[in-house]
């Protein structure tokens, strides 16, 4: 009789202990994802703080580029107001796309290219984007680990019961990445 009671105690407590272990593992990974997102958020804020200064510097030299500068300012505002990974990803993608032509303006305006303030802002933007890229890699690694626990057996049973959902990766192109030049058959290079 006593062995029968212990058998049932073990039979009931083992799944409970396993569920508790996976629940705690899910909480740990979710907290790591949140911490990793805060690292991305810090870098995005640094990026957003640089953009108005960069726009003002370019504006002083490139008076004919007002629509480009307005676009950069508008998408920056969208990026600042973005809430959540997918909204931030979309907004930051737009920022990267709009920053590229603005950064390329230095070629068309030699005085701008020679301006120390512009050069400093551009190098700070490159630095921020490097840190952003590192933060993004860390975030995506933590999301991968979290998603593995959420989607793999037996963690998926616990995750489903407690409504843990897989999280999205954060993918953006950085604005300062150089585009590889393409060469047409006539030998002319294009950027």
Protein backbone atom coordinates (compact mmCIF):
# COMPACT_ATOMS: atom_id res chain seq x y z
CA UNK A 1 0.00 0.00 0.00
CA UNK A 2 2.81 2.41 0.93
CA UNK A 3 4.63 1.76 -2.35
CA UNK A 4 1.43 2.44 -4.22
CA UNK A 5 1.12 5.87 -2.58
CA UNK A 6 4.74 6.73 -3.38
CA UNK A 7 4.23 5.57 -6.93
CA UNK A 8 1.30 7.97 -7.37
CA UNK A 9 3.15 10.81 -5.62
CA UNK A 10 6.11 10.39 -7.97
CA UNK A 11 3.84 9.96 -10.97
CA UNK A 12 2.04 13.24 -10.20
CA UNK A 13 4.99 15.28 -8.94
CA UNK A 14 7.35 14.45 -11.83
CA UNK A 15 5.24 16.16 -14.53
CA UNK A 16 4.60 19.08 -12.18
CA UNK A 17 8.33 19.49 -11.52
CA UNK A 18 9.04 19.26 -15.24
CA UNK A 19 6.36 21.85 -16.02
CA UNK A 20 7.74 24.14 -13.32
CA UNK A 21 11.25 23.79 -14.74
CA UNK A 22 10.10 24.70 -18.26
CA UNK A 23 7.96 27.55 -16.97
CA UNK A 24 10.99 29.03 -15.18
CA UNK A 25 13.10 28.49 -18.30
CA UNK A 26 10.52 30.38 -20.38
CA UNK A 27 10.51 33.25 -17.89
CA UNK A 28 14.32 33.39 -17.91
CA UNK A 29 14.49 33.49 -21.70
CA UNK A 30 11.68 36.05 -21.98
CA UNK A 31 13.54 38.31 -19.53
CA UNK A 32 16.72 37.94 -21.57
CA UNK A 33 14.82 38.96 -24.70
CA UNK A 34 13.45 42.02 -22.91
CA UNK A 35 16.94 42.94 -21.69
CA UNK A 36 18.34 42.48 -25.19
CA UNK A 37 15.58 44.70 -26.63
CA UNK A 38 16.52 47.42 -24.16
CA UNK A 39 20.05 47.34 -25.65
CA UNK A 40 18.61 47.88 -29.13
CA UNK A 41 16.34 50.61 -27.79
CA UNK A 42 19.33 52.50 -26.36
CA UNK A 43 21.12 52.40 -29.71
CA UNK A 44 17.98 53.44 -31.61
CA UNK A 45 17.60 56.44 -29.30
CA UNK A 46 21.23 57.40 -29.90
CA UNK A 47 20.60 57.09 -33.64
CA UNK A 48 17.44 59.19 -33.42
CA UNK A 49 19.29 61.90 -31.47
CA UNK A 50 21.97 62.17 -34.17
CA UNK A 51 19.59 62.52 -37.10
CA UNK A 52 18.30 66.07 -36.38
CA UNK A 53 21.86 67.32 -35.93
CA UNK A 54 22.89 65.65 -39.17
CA UNK A 55 19.87 67.13 -40.97
CA UNK A 56 20.70 70.63 -39.65
CA UNK A 57 24.31 70.33 -40.77
CA UNK A 58 23.32 69.14 -44.25
CA UNK A 59 20.62 71.83 -44.46
CA UNK A 60 23.27 74.54 -44.06
CA UNK A 61 25.07 73.35 -47.20
CA UNK A 62 22.47 71.61 -49.33
CA UNK A 63 19.65 74.13 -49.59
CA UNK A 64 18.22 72.44 -52.70
CA UNK A 65 17.64 69.13 -50.93
CA UNK A 66 14.70 70.18 -48.73
CA UNK A 67 12.42 67.28 -49.72
CA UNK A 68 15.10 64.74 -48.81
CA UNK A 69 15.69 66.43 -45.46
CA UNK A 70 11.96 66.56 -44.74
CA UNK A 71 11.68 62.85 -45.53
CA UNK A 72 14.52 62.00 -43.15
CA UNK A 73 12.92 64.09 -40.40
CA UNK A 74 9.51 62.52 -40.98
CA UNK A 75 10.74 58.92 -40.88
CA UNK A 76 12.83 59.69 -37.79
CA UNK A 77 9.64 60.81 -36.03
CA UNK A 78 7.99 57.55 -37.08
CA UNK A 79 10.95 55.65 -35.65
CA UNK A 80 10.80 57.49 -32.34
CA UNK A 81 7.08 56.74 -32.02
CA UNK A 82 7.35 53.07 -33.07
CA UNK A 83 6.06 50.63 -30.48
CA UNK A 84 7.07 46.98 -30.63
CA UNK A 85 9.59 45.01 -32.61
CA UNK A 86 7.77 44.86 -35.96
CA UNK A 87 6.84 48.56 -35.93
CA UNK A 88 10.38 49.52 -34.95
CA UNK A 89 11.82 47.24 -37.62
CA UNK A 90 9.66 48.83 -40.33
CA UNK A 91 10.41 52.38 -39.15
CA UNK A 92 14.15 51.77 -38.84
CA UNK A 93 14.22 50.24 -42.30
CA UNK A 94 12.69 53.46 -43.65
CA UNK A 95 15.23 55.52 -41.70
CA UNK A 96 18.10 53.53 -43.17
CA UNK A 97 16.76 53.94 -46.69
CA UNK A 98 16.27 57.69 -46.25
CA UNK A 99 19.65 58.27 -44.61
CA UNK A 100 21.68 56.74 -47.42
CA UNK A 101 21.02 59.51 -49.98
CA UNK A 102 21.54 62.15 -47.32
CA UNK A 103 24.91 60.69 -46.40
CA UNK A 104 25.79 60.53 -50.10
CA UNK A 105 25.16 64.28 -50.45
CA UNK A 106 28.68 64.92 -49.19
CA UNK A 107 29.95 63.86 -52.61
CA UNK A 108 27.80 66.51 -54.32
CA UNK A 109 28.68 69.25 -51.80
CA UNK A 110 32.46 69.42 -51.22
CA UNK A 111 32.04 72.08 -48.50
CA UNK A 112 29.78 69.71 -46.59
CA UNK A 113 32.29 66.89 -46.97
CA UNK A 114 35.00 69.15 -45.55
CA UNK A 115 32.88 70.29 -42.58
CA UNK A 116 34.33 68.87 -39.35
CA UNK A 117 30.91 68.80 -37.66
CA UNK A 118 29.48 66.73 -40.51
CA UNK A 119 32.44 64.37 -40.46
CA UNK A 120 32.10 63.94 -36.70
CA UNK A 121 28.36 63.29 -36.94
CA UNK A 122 28.87 60.83 -39.76
CA UNK A 123 31.53 58.90 -37.80
CA UNK A 124 29.30 58.90 -34.70
CA UNK A 125 26.46 57.53 -36.83
CA UNK A 126 28.74 54.75 -38.07
CA UNK A 127 29.68 54.00 -34.45
CA UNK A 128 26.04 53.92 -33.35
CA UNK A 129 25.12 51.66 -36.24
CA UNK A 130 27.97 49.29 -35.32
CA UNK A 131 26.66 49.12 -31.75
CA UNK A 132 23.14 48.70 -33.09
CA UNK A 133 24.29 45.79 -35.21
CA UNK A 134 25.90 44.13 -32.17
CA UNK A 135 22.78 44.71 -30.06
CA UNK A 136 20.63 43.30 -32.86
CA UNK A 137 22.74 40.15 -33.05
CA UNK A 138 22.48 39.66 -29.28
CA UNK A 139 18.73 40.28 -29.36
CA UNK A 140 18.20 37.84 -32.23
CA UNK A 141 20.27 35.21 -30.38
CA UNK A 142 18.12 35.56 -27.26
CA UNK A 143 14.95 35.41 -29.38
CA UNK A 144 16.25 32.24 -31.05
CA UNK A 145 16.89 30.62 -27.64
CA UNK A 146 13.48 31.71 -26.33
CA UNK A 147 11.70 30.48 -29.48
CA UNK A 148 13.48 27.12 -29.19
CA UNK A 149 12.04 26.61 -25.71
CA UNK A 150 8.59 27.81 -26.82
CA UNK A 151 8.46 25.62 -29.92
CA UNK A 152 10.29 22.43 -28.87
CA UNK A 153 8.77 19.51 -26.98
CA UNK A 154 8.04 19.43 -24.02
CA UNK A 155 8.49 23.19 -23.57
CA UNK A 156 5.81 23.83 -26.20
CA UNK A 157 3.23 22.15 -23.95
CA UNK A 158 4.06 24.45 -21.04
CA UNK A 159 4.37 27.48 -23.35
CA UNK A 160 0.98 26.75 -24.88
CA UNK A 161 -0.67 26.31 -21.51
CA UNK A 162 0.74 29.62 -20.19
CA UNK A 163 0.26 31.39 -23.56
CA UNK A 164 3.92 32.11 -24.34
CA UNK A 165 4.19 32.98 -28.03
CA UNK A 166 7.25 32.93 -30.31
CA UNK A 167 8.87 36.35 -30.72
CA UNK A 168 9.97 38.10 -33.90
CA UNK A 169 13.57 38.66 -34.89
CA UNK A 170 14.73 42.24 -35.47
CA UNK A 171 16.24 42.74 -38.93
CA UNK A 172 17.25 46.10 -40.34
CA UNK A 173 19.83 47.28 -42.79
CA UNK A 174 22.19 49.86 -41.43
CA UNK A 175 22.24 53.17 -43.25
CA UNK A 176 26.02 53.40 -43.32
CA UNK A 177 26.55 50.05 -45.03
CA UNK A 178 28.15 50.65 -48.35
CA UNK A 179 26.27 49.26 -51.27
CA UNK A 180 28.41 47.08 -53.48
CA UNK A 181 29.02 48.83 -56.79
CA UNK A 182 27.53 47.14 -59.82
CA UNK A 183 29.35 47.07 -63.13
CA UNK A 184 27.45 47.05 -66.39
CA UNK A 185 28.81 45.36 -69.53
CA UNK A 186 29.96 48.74 -70.86
CA UNK A 187 32.43 48.99 -67.97
CA UNK A 188 30.66 51.92 -66.23
CA UNK A 189 30.43 51.59 -62.45
CA UNK A 190 27.21 52.49 -60.65
CA UNK A 191 26.65 52.92 -56.90
